[in-house]
Structure formats: structure tokens, C-alpha cells
Amino acid sequence: MRRPQAEATVRVCRALLKDESGQNLVEYGLVVGLIGLATIASTTSMATQLKAAFSSMGSALAHYV
């Protein structure tokens, strides 16, 4: 024989397992996280290329000055 408190806990757990209302929020969070990672990766790559371009321009200008 189960105690009333244990039965209530089981009911709450079953209800939580069936509830999918927070699922969309988690999916949106994952998408935002992936977009953030892609942004960081592309910014890092672009920063390296910009640094090389400015170094090249700087040394070319120093050669003429």
C-alpha cells in the first residue's frame, strides 16, 4: 500500500514527463548557442585575415615612407 505522499509524487513526476511546454525554449536556446559559436568562429577567422591585410599594408607604406 502506497502512502498518499508517494502517490502524489508519482502523479507529479508523470505529469512533468508528459509536459512538453518547455521543449521549444530549449530548442531555441540550442539554436542561439549554435549561432553564437558560428559567429565567434567566423569573427576569429576574419580578425586573423584583417590583421594580415593591415600588416601587409603597413609594411608596404613603411617601404615608401
Protein backbone atom coordinates (compact mmCIF):
# COMPACT_ATOMS: atom_id res chain seq x y z
CA MET A 1 0.00 0.00 0.00
CA ARG A 2 1.39 3.35 -1.04
CA ARG A 3 1.36 6.39 1.12
CA PRO A 4 -0.61 9.43 -0.11
CA GLN A 5 2.57 11.50 -0.33
CA ALA A 6 4.27 8.89 -2.52
CA GLU A 7 1.23 8.71 -4.81
CA ALA A 8 1.21 12.49 -5.17
CA THR A 9 4.90 12.46 -6.03
CA VAL A 10 4.37 9.80 -8.67
CA ARG A 11 1.49 11.80 -10.18
CA VAL A 12 3.61 14.96 -10.33
CA CYS A 13 6.50 13.08 -11.95
CA ARG A 14 4.22 11.58 -14.57
CA ALA A 15 2.70 14.97 -15.32
CA LEU A 16 6.16 16.51 -15.72
CA LEU A 17 7.23 13.75 -18.10
CA LYS A 18 4.17 14.37 -20.30
CA ASP A 19 4.57 18.18 -20.27
CA GLU A 20 6.36 19.44 -23.39
CA SER A 21 5.81 23.19 -22.94
CA GLY A 22 9.46 23.92 -22.17
CA GLN A 23 10.75 21.95 -25.15
CA ASN A 24 10.56 24.89 -27.55
CA LEU A 25 12.55 27.09 -25.20
CA VAL A 26 15.32 24.50 -25.04
CA GLU A 27 15.38 24.20 -28.84
CA TYR A 28 15.59 27.97 -29.24
CA GLY A 29 18.40 28.05 -26.70
CA LEU A 30 20.34 25.44 -28.66
CA VAL A 31 19.86 27.37 -31.91
CA VAL A 32 21.03 30.61 -30.29
CA GLY A 33 24.05 28.79 -28.87
CA LEU A 34 24.99 27.38 -32.27
CA ILE A 35 24.60 30.80 -33.90
CA GLY A 36 26.84 32.26 -31.21
CA LEU A 37 29.52 29.64 -31.82
CA ALA A 38 29.39 30.25 -35.57
CA THR A 39 29.67 33.99 -35.01
CA ILE A 40 32.69 33.58 -32.75
CA ALA A 41 34.40 31.23 -35.19
CA SER A 42 33.83 33.49 -38.19
CA THR A 43 34.87 36.62 -36.27
CA THR A 44 38.10 34.96 -35.16
CA SER A 45 38.87 33.92 -38.74
CA MET A 46 38.04 37.37 -40.07
CA ALA A 47 40.19 39.04 -37.40
CA THR A 48 43.19 36.95 -38.43
CA GLN A 49 42.69 37.87 -42.09
CA LEU A 50 42.27 41.57 -41.25
CA LYS A 51 45.43 41.55 -39.16
CA ALA A 52 47.38 40.03 -42.06
CA ALA A 53 45.93 42.58 -44.51
CA PHE A 54 46.78 45.57 -42.29
CA SER A 55 50.27 44.21 -41.62
CA SER A 56 50.81 43.90 -45.37
CA MET A 57 49.57 47.47 -45.96
CA GLY A 58 51.68 48.79 -43.09
CA SER A 59 54.87 47.24 -44.38
CA ALA A 60 54.13 48.46 -47.92
CA LEU A 61 53.60 52.00 -46.62
CA ALA A 62 56.74 51.83 -44.47
CA HIS A 63 58.70 50.84 -47.55
CA TYR A 64 57.63 54.03 -49.35
CA VAL A 65 57.98 56.42 -46.41
